[in-house]
PDB file of N, CA and C in Angstrom:
ATOM      1  N   ILE A   1      13.832  12.048  -0.123  1.00  0.00           N
ATOM      2  CA  ILE A   1      14.730  10.338   0.017  1.00  0.00           C
ATOM      3  C   ILE A   1      16.054  11.005  -0.783  1.00  0.00           C
ATOM      4  N   VAL A   2      17.047  11.137  -0.642  1.00  0.00           N
ATOM      5  CA  VAL A   2      18.336  10.927  -1.293  1.00  0.00           C
ATOM      6  C   VAL A   2      19.345   9.590  -1.381  1.00  0.00           C
ATOM      7  N   LYS A   3      20.260   9.850  -2.262  1.00  0.00           N
ATOM      8  CA  LYS A   3      21.083   8.708  -2.238  1.00  0.00           C
ATOM      9  C   LYS A   3      21.998   9.247  -1.232  1.00  0.00           C
ATOM     10  N   GLU A   4      23.326   7.973  -1.083  1.00  0.00           N
ATOM     11  CA  GLU A   4      24.357   8.029  -0.125  1.00  0.00           C
ATOM     12  C   GLU A   4      24.998   9.388   0.649  1.00  0.00           C
ATOM     13  N   ASN A   5      25.085   9.788  -0.904  1.00  0.00           N
ATOM     14  CA  ASN A   5      26.068  11.195  -1.029  1.00  0.00           C
ATOM     15  C   ASN A   5      24.995  12.382  -0.376  1.00  0.00           C
ATOM     16  N   GLY A   6      23.843  12.122  -0.178  1.00  0.00           N
ATOM     17  CA  GLY A   6      22.932  13.479   0.259  1.00  0.00           C
ATOM     18  C   GLY A   6      22.192  14.040  -0.947  1.00  0.00           C
ATOM     19  N   GLN A   7      22.807  13.384  -2.486  1.00  0.00           N
ATOM     20  CA  GLN A   7      21.726  14.073  -3.550  1.00  0.00           C
ATOM     21  C   GLN A   7      20.464  13.696  -3.670  1.00  0.00           C
ATOM     22  N   PRO A   8      19.667  14.299  -4.476  1.00  0.00           N
ATOM     23  CA  PRO A   8      18.272  13.746  -4.663  1.00  0.00           C
ATOM     24  C   PRO A   8      18.237  12.810  -5.566  1.00  0.00           C
ATOM     25  N   LEU A   9      17.518  11.462  -5.636  1.00  0.00           N
ATOM     26  CA  LEU A   9      17.460  10.549  -6.855  1.00  0.00           C
ATOM     27  C   LEU A   9      16.837  11.436  -7.921  1.00  0.00           C
ATOM     28  N   ASP A  10      17.679  10.850  -9.362  1.00  0.00           N
ATOM     29  CA  ASP A  10      17.793  11.059 -10.531  1.00  0.00           C
ATOM     30  C   ASP A  10      15.529  10.677 -10.802  1.00  0.00           C
ATOM     31  N   ASP A  11      15.523  11.775 -11.904  1.00  0.00           N
ATOM     32  CA  ASP A  11      14.039  11.049 -12.506  1.00  0.00           C
ATOM     33  C   ASP A  11      13.935   9.708 -12.625  1.00  0.00           C
ATOM     34  N   GLU A  12      15.134   8.966 -13.310  1.00  0.00           N
ATOM     35  CA  GLU A  12      14.757   7.360 -13.913  1.00  0.00           C
ATOM     36  C   GLU A  12      14.903   6.390 -13.153  1.00  0.00           C
ATOM     37  N   ILE A  13      15.867   7.002 -12.051  1.00  0.00           N
ATOM     38  CA  ILE A  13      15.541   6.234 -10.658  1.00  0.00           C
ATOM     39  C   ILE A  13      14.308   6.139 -10.217  1.00  0.00           C
ATOM     40  N   LYS A  14      13.745   7.404  -9.785  1.00  0.00           N
ATOM     41  CA  LYS A  14      12.655   7.890  -9.268  1.00  0.00           C
ATOM     42  C   LYS A  14      10.986   6.985 -10.028  1.00  0.00           C
ATOM     43  N   ASN A  15      11.321   7.010 -11.343  1.00  0.00           N
ATOM     44  CA  ASN A  15      10.230   6.143 -12.030  1.00  0.00           C
ATOM     45  C   ASN A  15      10.194   4.872 -12.045  1.00  0.00           C
ATOM     46  N   LYS A  16      11.329   3.700 -11.579  1.00  0.00           N
ATOM     47  CA  LYS A  16      11.634   2.560 -11.571  1.00  0.00           C
ATOM     48  C   LYS A  16      10.788   1.651 -10.769  1.00  0.00           C
ATOM     49  N   PHE A  17      10.007   0.558 -11.451  1.00  0.00           N
ATOM     50  CA  PHE A  17       9.059  -0.198 -10.504  1.00  0.00           C
ATOM     51  C   PHE A  17       9.200  -1.189 -10.614  1.00  0.00           C
ATOM     52  N   PHE A  18       9.139  -2.021  -9.786  1.00  0.00           N
ATOM     53  CA  PHE A  18       9.237  -3.502  -9.922  1.00  0.00           C
ATOM     54  C   PHE A  18       8.375  -4.178  -9.108  1.00  0.00           C
ATOM     55  N   GLU A  19       7.761  -5.651  -9.519  1.00  0.00           N
ATOM     56  CA  GLU A  19       6.681  -6.365  -8.906  1.00  0.00           C
ATOM     57  C   GLU A  19       7.399  -6.884  -7.482  1.00  0.00           C
ATOM     58  N   ILE A  20       8.585  -7.661  -7.513  1.00  0.00           N
ATOM     59  CA  ILE A  20       9.232  -7.916  -6.764  1.00  0.00           C
ATOM     60  C   ILE A  20      10.470  -7.236  -6.532  1.00  0.00           C
ATOM     61  N   ALA A  21      10.901  -6.659  -5.240  1.00  0.00           N
ATOM     62  CA  ALA A  21      11.945  -6.164  -4.965  1.00  0.00           C
ATOM     63  C   ALA A  21      13.277  -7.214  -3.980  1.00  0.00           C
ATOM     64  N   GLU A  22      14.149  -6.801  -4.222  1.00  0.00           N
ATOM     65  CA  GLU A  22      14.966  -6.912  -2.940  1.00  0.00           C
ATOM     66  C   GLU A  22      14.292  -7.452  -1.546  1.00  0.00           C
ATOM     67  N   LEU A  23      14.120  -6.215  -0.879  1.00  0.00           N
ATOM     68  CA  LEU A  23      13.481  -6.179  -0.151  1.00  0.00           C
ATOM     69  C   LEU A  23      12.202  -5.246  -0.103  1.00  0.00           C
ATOM     70  N   SER A  24      10.900  -6.297   0.548  1.00  0.00           N
ATOM     71  CA  SER A  24       9.931  -5.563   0.036  1.00  0.00           C
ATOM     72  C   SER A  24       9.149  -4.474   0.697  1.00  0.00           C
ATOM     73  N   PRO A  25       8.338  -4.158   0.131  1.00  0.00           N
ATOM     74  CA  PRO A  25       7.744  -2.896   1.201  1.00  0.00           C
ATOM     75  C   PRO A  25       7.572  -3.009   3.011  1.00  0.00           C
ATOM     76  N   MET A  26       7.435  -2.427   3.530  1.00  0.00           N
ATOM     77  CA  MET A  26       6.836  -2.955   4.978  1.00  0.00           C
ATOM     78  C   MET A  26       6.012  -1.749   5.638  1.00  0.00           C
ATOM     79  N   PHE A  27       5.210  -2.225   6.155  1.00  0.00           N
ATOM     80  CA  PHE A  27       3.968  -1.220   6.486  1.00  0.00           C
ATOM     81  C   PHE A  27       5.181  -1.191   8.451  1.00  0.00           C
ATOM     82  N   TYR A  28       4.939   0.162   8.937  1.00  0.00           N
ATOM     83  CA  TYR A  28       5.685   0.239   9.288  1.00  0.00           C
ATOM     84  C   TYR A  28       5.127   0.017  10.942  1.00  0.00           C
ATOM     85  N   GLY A  29       5.102  -1.427  11.940  1.00  0.00           N
ATOM     86  CA  GLY A  29       4.451  -2.253  12.696  1.00  0.00           C
ATOM     87  C   GLY A  29       4.196  -3.531  12.254  1.00  0.00           C
ATOM     88  N   GLY A  30       4.422  -3.742  11.193  1.00  0.00           N
ATOM     89  CA  GLY A  30       4.017  -4.441  10.346  1.00  0.00           C
ATOM     90  C   GLY A  30       2.302  -5.231  10.179  1.00  0.00           C
ATOM     91  N   ASN A  31       2.236  -6.477  10.289  1.00  0.00           N
ATOM     92  CA  ASN A  31       0.605  -6.909   9.960  1.00  0.00           C
ATOM     93  C   ASN A  31      -0.373  -6.794  11.028  1.00  0.00           C
ATOM     94  N   LYS A  32       0.266  -6.663  11.907  1.00  0.00           N
ATOM     95  CA  LYS A  32      -0.445  -6.248  13.054  1.00  0.00           C
ATOM     96  C   LYS A  32      -1.050  -4.555  13.297  1.00  0.00           C
ATOM     97  N   ALA A  33       0.313  -3.973  12.915  1.00  0.00           N
ATOM     98  CA  ALA A  33      -0.488  -2.408  12.541  1.00  0.00           C
ATOM     99  C   ALA A  33      -1.449  -1.889  11.652  1.00  0.00           C
ATOM    100  N   ILE A  34      -1.371  -2.801  10.855  1.00  0.00           N
ATOM    101  CA  ILE A  34      -2.112  -2.583   9.418  1.00  0.00           C
ATOM    102  C   ILE A  34      -3.708  -2.995  10.105  1.00  0.00           C
ATOM    103  N   SER A  35      -3.502  -4.239  10.578  1.00  0.00           N
ATOM    104  CA  SER A  35      -5.157  -4.770  11.431  1.00  0.00           C
ATOM    105  C   SER A  35      -5.446  -3.514  12.292  1.00  0.00           C
ATOM    106  N   GLU A  36      -4.777  -2.827  13.252  1.00  0.00           N
ATOM    107  CA  GLU A  36      -4.625  -1.455  13.523  1.00  0.00           C
ATOM    108  C   GLU A  36      -5.710  -0.864  13.081  1.00  0.00           C
ATOM    109  N   TYR A  37      -4.764  -0.502  11.913  1.00  0.00           N
ATOM    110  CA  TYR A  37      -5.023   0.726  11.675  1.00  0.00           C
ATOM    111  C   TYR A  37      -6.659   0.728  10.567  1.00  0.00           C
ATOM    112  N   ILE A  38      -6.761  -0.119   9.990  1.00  0.00           N
ATOM    113  CA  ILE A  38      -7.669  -0.779   9.573  1.00  0.00           C
ATOM    114  C   ILE A  38      -9.149  -0.625  10.442  1.00  0.00           C
ATOM    115  N   SER A  39      -8.932  -1.281  11.386  1.00  0.00           N
ATOM    116  CA  SER A  39     -10.097  -1.497  12.530  1.00  0.00           C
ATOM    117  C   SER A  39     -10.448   0.350  12.922  1.00  0.00           C
ATOM    118  N   LYS A  40      -9.675   0.580  13.257  1.00  0.00           N
ATOM    119  CA  LYS A  40      -9.633   2.578  13.900  1.00  0.00           C
ATOM    120  C   LYS A  40     -10.141   3.248  12.706  1.00  0.00           C
ATOM    121  N   ASN A  41     -10.167   2.995  11.573  1.00  0.00           N
ATOM    122  CA  ASN A  41     -10.592   3.871  10.217  1.00  0.00           C
ATOM    123  C   ASN A  41     -11.291   3.299   9.522  1.00  0.00           C
ATOM    124  N   VAL A  42     -11.906   2.082   9.396  1.00  0.00           N
ATOM    125  CA  VAL A  42     -13.119   1.567   8.939  1.00  0.00           C
ATOM    126  C   VAL A  42     -14.072   2.401   8.998  1.00  0.00           C
ATOM    127  N   ASN A  43     -15.457   2.883   8.115  1.00  0.00           N
ATOM    128  CA  ASN A  43     -16.166   3.485   8.358  1.00  0.00           C
ATOM    129  C   ASN A  43     -17.481   2.323   8.876  1.00  0.00           C
ATOM    130  N   LYS A  44     -17.520   2.105  10.233  1.00  0.00           N
ATOM    131  CA  LYS A  44     -18.153   1.590  10.556  1.00  0.00           C
ATOM    132  C   LYS A  44     -20.237   1.191  10.325  1.00  0.00           C
ATOM    133  N   ASN A  45     -20.454   2.455   9.255  1.00  0.00           N
ATOM    134  CA  ASN A  45     -22.044   2.350   8.963  1.00  0.00           C
ATOM    135  C   ASN A  45     -21.791   1.100   7.844  1.00  0.00           C
ATOM    136  N   ILE A  46     -20.799   1.013   7.229  1.00  0.00           N
ATOM    137  CA  ILE A  46     -20.568   0.320   5.812  1.00  0.00           C
ATOM    138  C   ILE A  46     -20.672  -0.760   6.667  1.00  0.00           C
ATOM    139  N   LEU A  47     -20.263  -1.724   7.647  1.00  0.00           N
ATOM    140  CA  LEU A  47     -19.865  -2.755   7.938  1.00  0.00           C
ATOM    141  C   LEU A  47     -21.112  -3.155   8.743  1.00  0.00           C
ATOM    142  N   ARG A  48     -22.017  -2.174   9.262  1.00  0.00           N
ATOM    143  CA  ARG A  48     -22.842  -2.465   9.303  1.00  0.00           C
ATOM    144  C   ARG A  48     -23.988  -3.343   8.925  1.00  0.00           C
ATOM    145  N   LYS A  49     -23.812  -2.909   7.389  1.00  0.00           N
ATOM    146  CA  LYS A  49     -24.504  -3.846   6.231  1.00  0.00           C
ATOM    147  C   LYS A  49     -23.976  -4.277   5.465  1.00  0.00           C
ATOM    148  N   ASN A  50     -23.105  -4.445   5.154  1.00  0.00           N
ATOM    149  CA  ASN A  50     -22.027  -5.695   4.721  1.00  0.00           C
ATOM    150  C   ASN A  50     -20.799  -6.336   5.043  1.00  0.00           C
ATOM    151  N   ALA A  51     -20.324  -7.079   4.754  1.00  0.00           N
ATOM    152  CA  ALA A  51     -18.890  -7.778   4.999  1.00  0.00           C
ATOM    153  C   ALA A  51     -18.723  -8.737   3.553  1.00  0.00           C
ATOM    154  N   GLY A  52     -17.566  -8.928   4.220  1.00  0.00           N
ATOM    155  CA  GLY A  52     -16.596  -9.640   2.560  1.00  0.00           C
ATOM    156  C   GLY A  52     -15.337  -9.572   2.972  1.00  0.00           C
ATOM    157  N   ARG A  53     -14.293 -10.416   1.998  1.00  0.00           N
ATOM    158  CA  ARG A  53     -12.846 -10.400   1.517  1.00  0.00           C
ATOM    159  C   ARG A  53     -13.153  -9.057   0.424  1.00  0.00           C
ATOM    160  N   VAL A  54     -12.001  -8.187   0.084  1.00  0.00           N
ATOM    161  CA  VAL A  54     -11.441  -7.401  -0.710  1.00  0.00           C
ATOM    162  C   VAL A  54     -10.041  -7.670  -0.932  1.00  0.00           C
ATOM    163  N   VAL A  55      -9.636  -7.913  -1.998  1.00  0.00           N
ATOM    164  CA  VAL A  55      -8.125  -7.923  -2.253  1.00  0.00           C
ATOM    165  C   VAL A  55      -7.885  -6.809  -3.042  1.00  0.00           C
ATOM    166  N   VAL A  56      -6.877  -5.720  -2.726  1.00  0.00           N
ATOM    167  CA  VAL A  56      -6.506  -4.405  -3.563  1.00  0.00           C
ATOM    168  C   VAL A  56      -5.393  -4.603  -3.498  1.00  0.00           C
ATOM    169  N   GLU A  57      -5.181  -4.424  -4.867  1.00  0.00           N
ATOM    170  CA  GLU A  57      -3.722  -4.087  -5.505  1.00  0.00           C
ATOM    171  C   GLU A  57      -2.876  -2.727  -5.521  1.00  0.00           C
ATOM    172  N   PHE A  58      -2.159  -1.902  -4.913  1.00  0.00           N
ATOM    173  CA  PHE A  58      -1.527  -0.881  -5.212  1.00  0.00           C
ATOM    174  C   PHE A  58       0.119  -1.190  -5.331  1.00  0.00           C
ATOM    175  N   VAL A  59       0.330   0.691  -5.619  1.00  0.00           N
ATOM    176  CA  VAL A  59       1.643   0.769  -5.279  1.00  0.00           C
ATOM    177  C   VAL A  59       2.354   1.495  -4.414  1.00  0.00           C
ATOM    178  N   ILE A  60       3.460   0.717  -4.071  1.00  0.00           N
ATOM    179  CA  ILE A  60       4.029   2.023  -3.103  1.00  0.00           C
ATOM    180  C   ILE A  60       5.222   2.386  -3.115  1.00  0.00           C
ATOM    181  N   ASN A  61       5.270   3.854  -3.910  1.00  0.00           N
ATOM    182  CA  ASN A  61       5.832   4.729  -4.182  1.00  0.00           C
ATOM    183  C   ASN A  61       7.497   5.162  -3.364  1.00  0.00           C
ATOM    184  N   ILE A  62       8.471   5.401  -4.031  1.00  0.00           N
ATOM    185  CA  ILE A  62       9.792   5.455  -3.243  1.00  0.00           C
ATOM    186  C   ILE A  62       9.848   6.574  -2.010  1.00  0.00           C
ATOM    187  N   ASP A  63       8.582   7.567  -1.982  1.00  0.00           N
ATOM    188  CA  ASP A  63       8.424   8.091  -0.923  1.00  0.00           C
ATOM    189  C   ASP A  63       7.826   7.439   0.186  1.00  0.00           C
ATOM    190  N   GLY A  64       7.090   6.046  -0.119  1.00  0.00           N
ATOM    191  CA  GLY A  64       6.814   5.110   1.061  1.00  0.00           C
ATOM    192  C   GLY A  64       5.350   5.538   0.880  1.00  0.00           C
ATOM    193  N   ASN A  65       4.441   6.423  -0.241  1.00  0.00           N
ATOM    194  CA  ASN A  65       3.180   6.234  -0.148  1.00  0.00           C
ATOM    195  C   ASN A  65       2.378   5.414  -1.047  1.00  0.00           C
ATOM    196  N   THR A  66       1.496   5.816  -1.012  1.00  0.00           N
ATOM    197  CA  THR A  66       0.146   4.520  -1.706  1.00  0.00           C
ATOM    198  C   THR A  66      -0.236   5.068  -3.063  1.00  0.00           C
ATOM    199  N   GLU A  67      -0.177   4.666  -4.013  1.00  0.00           N
ATOM    200  CA  GLU A  67      -0.805   5.360  -5.664  1.00  0.00           C
ATOM    201  C   GLU A  67      -1.490   3.824  -6.274  1.00  0.00           C
ATOM    202  N   GLY A  68      -2.166   4.674  -7.316  1.00  0.00           N
ATOM    203  CA  GLY A  68      -2.804   2.976  -8.438  1.00  0.00           C
ATOM    204  C   GLY A  68      -2.950   2.058  -7.915  1.00  0.00           C
ATOM    205  N   PHE A  69      -4.452   2.384  -7.182  1.00  0.00           N
ATOM    206  CA  PHE A  69      -5.303   1.355  -6.528  1.00  0.00           C
ATOM    207  C   PHE A  69      -5.772   0.566  -7.427  1.00  0.00           C
ATOM    208  N   MET A  70      -6.571  -0.812  -7.453  1.00  0.00           N
ATOM    209  CA  MET A  70      -7.003  -1.615  -8.138  1.00  0.00           C
ATOM    210  C   MET A  70      -7.929  -2.767  -7.522  1.00  0.00           C
ATOM    211  N   ILE A  71      -8.684  -3.209  -7.560  1.00  0.00           N
ATOM    212  CA  ILE A  71      -9.415  -4.431  -6.962  1.00  0.00           C
ATOM    213  C   ILE A  71      -9.345  -5.520  -7.704  1.00  0.00           C
ATOM    214  N   VAL A  72      -8.248  -6.423  -6.896  1.00  0.00           N
ATOM    215  CA  VAL A  72      -8.078  -7.556  -7.506  1.00  0.00           C
ATOM    216  C   VAL A  72      -9.371  -8.633  -7.573  1.00  0.00           C
ATOM    217  N   SER A  73      -9.685  -8.804  -6.522  1.00  0.00           N
ATOM    218  CA  SER A  73     -11.225  -9.401  -6.030  1.00  0.00           C
ATOM    219  C   SER A  73     -11.451  -9.126  -5.249  1.00  0.00           C
ATOM    220  N   SER A  74     -13.194  -9.496  -5.095  1.00  0.00           N
ATOM    221  CA  SER A  74     -14.327  -8.657  -4.242  1.00  0.00           C
ATOM    222  C   SER A  74     -15.220  -9.736  -3.718  1.00  0.00           C
ATOM    223  N   GLU A  75     -15.529  -9.906  -2.484  1.00  0.00           N
ATOM    224  CA  GLU A  75     -16.762 -10.765  -2.652  1.00  0.00           C
ATOM    225  C   GLU A  75     -17.677  -9.723  -2.467  1.00  0.00           C
ATOM    226  N   ASN A  76     -17.798  -8.523  -2.287  1.00  0.00           N
ATOM    227  CA  ASN A  76     -18.837  -7.370  -2.129  1.00  0.00           C
ATOM    228  C   ASN A  76     -18.847  -5.945  -2.672  1.00  0.00           C
ATOM    229  N   PRO A  77     -19.222  -6.267  -3.600  1.00  0.00           N
ATOM    230  CA  PRO A  77     -19.184  -4.943  -4.489  1.00  0.00           C
ATOM    231  C   PRO A  77     -19.183  -3.503  -3.886  1.00  0.00           C
ATOM    232  N   ALA A  78     -20.411  -3.683  -2.705  1.00  0.00           N
ATOM    233  CA  ALA A  78     -20.389  -2.551  -1.886  1.00  0.00           C
ATOM    234  C   ALA A  78     -19.113  -2.066  -1.133  1.00  0.00           C
ATOM    235  N   LEU A  79     -18.263  -2.628  -0.857  1.00  0.00           N
ATOM    236  CA  LEU A  79     -17.065  -2.444   0.110  1.00  0.00           C
ATOM    237  C   LEU A  79     -15.456  -2.092  -0.287  1.00  0.00           C
ATOM    238  N   ASN A  80     -15.684  -1.862  -1.428  1.00  0.00           N
ATOM    239  CA  ASN A  80     -15.074  -1.821  -2.823  1.00  0.00           C
ATOM    240  C   ASN A  80     -14.389  -0.493  -2.763  1.00  0.00           C
ATOM    241  N   GLN A  81     -15.167   0.676  -2.351  1.00  0.00           N
ATOM    242  CA  GLN A  81     -14.715   2.052  -2.226  1.00  0.00           C
ATOM    243  C   GLN A  81     -14.102   2.317  -0.966  1.00  0.00           C
ATOM    244  N   GLU A  82     -14.689   1.659  -0.081  1.00  0.00           N
ATOM    245  CA  GLU A  82     -14.282   1.772   1.017  1.00  0.00           C
ATOM    246  C   GLU A  82     -12.684   1.415   1.479  1.00  0.00           C
ATOM    247  N   ALA A  83     -12.427   0.133   0.330  1.00  0.00           N
ATOM    248  CA  ALA A  83     -10.568  -0.840   0.641  1.00  0.00           C
ATOM    249  C   ALA A  83     -10.226   0.126  -0.025  1.00  0.00           C
ATOM    250  N   ILE A  84     -10.201   1.419  -0.805  1.00  0.00           N
ATOM    251  CA  ILE A  84      -9.505   2.041  -1.964  1.00  0.00           C
ATOM    252  C   ILE A  84      -9.208   3.035  -1.045  1.00  0.00           C
ATOM    253  N   ARG A  85     -10.220   3.828  -0.108  1.00  0.00           N
ATOM    254  CA  ARG A  85     -10.265   4.514   1.172  1.00  0.00           C
ATOM    255  C   ARG A  85      -9.637   4.489   1.580  1.00  0.00           C
ATOM    256  N   LEU A  86      -9.596   3.443   2.485  1.00  0.00           N
ATOM    257  CA  LEU A  86      -8.664   3.043   3.742  1.00  0.00           C
ATOM    258  C   LEU A  86      -6.821   3.069   3.037  1.00  0.00           C
ATOM    259  N   ILE A  87      -6.637   2.466   2.087  1.00  0.00           N
ATOM    260  CA  ILE A  87      -5.553   2.170   1.214  1.00  0.00           C
ATOM    261  C   ILE A  87      -4.913   3.501   1.503  1.00  0.00           C
ATOM    262  N   LYS A  88      -5.683   4.329   0.376  1.00  0.00           N
ATOM    263  CA  LYS A  88      -5.141   5.738  -0.008  1.00  0.00           C
ATOM    264  C   LYS A  88      -4.751   6.534   1.070  1.00  0.00           C
ATOM    265  N   HIS A  89      -5.262   6.085   2.351  1.00  0.00           N
ATOM    266  CA  HIS A  89      -4.760   7.316   3.134  1.00  0.00           C
ATOM    267  C   HIS A  89      -4.112   6.737   4.521  1.00  0.00           C
ATOM    268  N   MET A  90      -3.243   4.962   4.260  1.00  0.00           N
ATOM    269  CA  MET A  90      -2.760   4.974   5.496  1.00  0.00           C
ATOM    270  C   MET A  90      -1.377   5.516   5.284  1.00  0.00           C
ATOM    271  N   PRO A  91      -0.682   5.245   6.272  1.00  0.00           N
ATOM    272  CA  PRO A  91       0.481   6.309   7.028  1.00  0.00           C
ATOM    273  C   PRO A  91       1.726   5.354   5.991  1.00  0.00           C
ATOM    274  N   ARG A  92       2.306   6.786   5.788  1.00  0.00           N
ATOM    275  CA  ARG A  92       3.637   5.988   4.668  1.00  0.00           C
ATOM    276  C   ARG A  92       4.206   4.855   5.287  1.00  0.00           C
ATOM    277  N   TRP A  93       4.861   3.741   3.829  1.00  0.00           N
ATOM    278  CA  TRP A  93       5.548   2.720   4.271  1.00  0.00           C
ATOM    279  C   TRP A  93       6.902   2.731   4.228  1.00  0.00           C
ATOM    280  N   GLN A  94       7.754   1.722   4.265  1.00  0.00           N
ATOM    281  CA  GLN A  94       8.912   1.827   4.234  1.00  0.00           C
ATOM    282  C   GLN A  94       9.018   1.327   3.064  1.00  0.00           C
ATOM    283  N   PRO A  95       9.461   1.754   1.558  1.00  0.00           N
ATOM    284  CA  PRO A  95       9.517   1.565   0.524  1.00  0.00           C
ATOM    285  C   PRO A  95      10.047   0.174  -0.117  1.00  0.00           C
ATOM    286  N   GLY A  96      10.003  -0.296  -0.944  1.00  0.00           N
ATOM    287  CA  GLY A  96      10.811  -1.838  -1.561  1.00  0.00           C
ATOM    288  C   GLY A  96      12.427  -0.746  -1.933  1.00  0.00           C
ATOM    289  N   PHE A  97      13.060  -2.361  -2.097  1.00  0.00           N
ATOM    290  CA  PHE A  97      14.521  -1.589  -1.851  1.00  0.00           C
ATOM    291  C   PHE A  97      15.062  -2.583  -3.205  1.00  0.00           C
ATOM    292  N   GLN A  98      15.857  -2.102  -4.077  1.00  0.00           N
ATOM    293  CA  GLN A  98      16.636  -2.873  -5.056  1.00  0.00           C
ATOM    294  C   GLN A  98      17.586  -2.631  -5.712  1.00  0.00           C
ATOM    295  N   GLN A  99      18.565  -3.328  -5.746  1.00  0.00           N
ATOM    296  CA  GLN A  99      19.840  -2.709  -6.065  1.00  0.00           C
ATOM    297  C   GLN A  99      20.143  -1.402  -5.363  1.00  0.00           C
ATOM    298  N   GLY A 100      20.130  -1.116  -4.253  1.00  0.00           N
ATOM    299  CA  GLY A 100      21.069  -0.233  -3.338  1.00  0.00           C
ATOM    300  C   GLY A 100      20.006   0.868  -3.692  1.00  0.00           C
ATOM    301  N   TYR A 101      18.816   1.276  -4.115  1.00  0.00           N
ATOM    302  CA  TYR A 101      17.621   2.148  -4.531  1.00  0.00           C
ATOM    303  C   TYR A 101      16.285   1.682  -4.473  1.00  0.00           C
ATOM    304  N   PHE A 102      15.603   2.952  -3.240  1.00  0.00           N
ATOM    305  CA  PHE A 102      14.463   2.764  -3.277  1.00  0.00           C
ATOM    306  C   PHE A 102      13.333   2.727  -4.251  1.00  0.00           C
ATOM    307  N   VAL A 103      12.740   1.688  -4.926  1.00  0.00           N
ATOM    308  CA  VAL A 103      11.582   1.612  -5.871  1.00  0.00           C
ATOM    309  C   VAL A 103      10.141   1.288  -5.932  1.00  0.00           C
ATOM    310  N   ARG A 104       9.482   1.485  -6.456  1.00  0.00           N
ATOM    311  CA  ARG A 104       8.259   1.611  -6.764  1.00  0.00           C
ATOM    312  C   ARG A 104       7.835   0.178  -6.686  1.00  0.00           C
ATOM    313  N   THR A 105       7.111  -0.395  -5.933  1.00  0.00           N
ATOM    314  CA  THR A 105       6.546  -1.516  -5.815  1.00  0.00           C
ATOM    315  C   THR A 105       5.421  -1.965  -5.635  1.00  0.00           C
ATOM    316  N   VAL A 106       4.768  -2.973  -6.593  1.00  0.00           N
ATOM    317  CA  VAL A 106       3.513  -3.222  -6.590  1.00  0.00           C
ATOM    318  C   VAL A 106       3.477  -4.003  -5.392  1.00  0.00           C
ATOM    319  N   TYR A 107       2.159  -4.309  -4.802  1.00  0.00           N
ATOM    320  CA  TYR A 107       1.275  -5.048  -3.324  1.00  0.00           C
ATOM    321  C   TYR A 107       0.125  -5.175  -3.745  1.00  0.00           C
ATOM    322  N   ARG A 108      -0.001  -6.233  -2.895  1.00  0.00           N
ATOM    323  CA  ARG A 108      -1.436  -6.507  -2.623  1.00  0.00           C
ATOM    324  C   ARG A 108      -1.879  -6.814  -1.260  1.00  0.00           C
ATOM    325  N   LEU A 109      -3.008  -6.498  -0.562  1.00  0.00           N
ATOM    326  CA  LEU A 109      -3.628  -6.398   0.261  1.00  0.00           C
ATOM    327  C   LEU A 109      -5.005  -7.118   0.418  1.00  0.00           C
ATOM    328  N   PRO A 110      -4.646  -8.445   1.106  1.00  0.00           N
ATOM    329  CA  PRO A 110      -6.536  -8.602   1.382  1.00  0.00           C
ATOM    330  C   PRO A 110      -6.775  -8.348   2.818  1.00  0.00           C
ATOM    331  N   LEU A 111      -8.494  -7.569   2.583  1.00  0.00           N
ATOM    332  CA  LEU A 111      -8.854  -7.037   3.515  1.00  0.00           C
ATOM    333  C   LEU A 111     -10.243  -7.789   4.095  1.00  0.00           C
ATOM    334  N   ASN A 112     -10.449  -8.117   5.150  1.00  0.00           N
ATOM    335  CA  ASN A 112     -11.599  -9.401   5.496  1.00  0.00           C
ATOM    336  C   ASN A 112     -12.569  -8.048   6.210  1.00  0.00           C
ATOM    337  N   PHE A 113     -13.829  -7.716   5.913  1.00  0.00           N
ATOM    338  CA  PHE A 113     -14.221  -6.994   6.574  1.00  0.00           C
ATOM    339  C   PHE A 113     -15.449  -7.818   6.935  1.00  0.00           C
TER     340      PHE A 113
END
């Protein structure tokens, strides 16, 4: 990701971090695409024995990749690692945008298994 003039972003801008951005991060295809990704990639063996809701908080960096995973709440601890695995391997997102720059943004995603 580069500035409008084609120059790479400097380290100071790359490290900016926002909980709320002017434009929030977006998974390409929206919530429907997130649901499709989860259903296609979830470990079916885990679902045979477990059910529940897990809320994962993570960072979408300026490249649109996910990092910094944390379980915020969980109805079934057996699903925590699967939830993090799914988020960790997600395709790129459109990063958050603030003051003319892409920024690292905190995002919370509830997953219902």
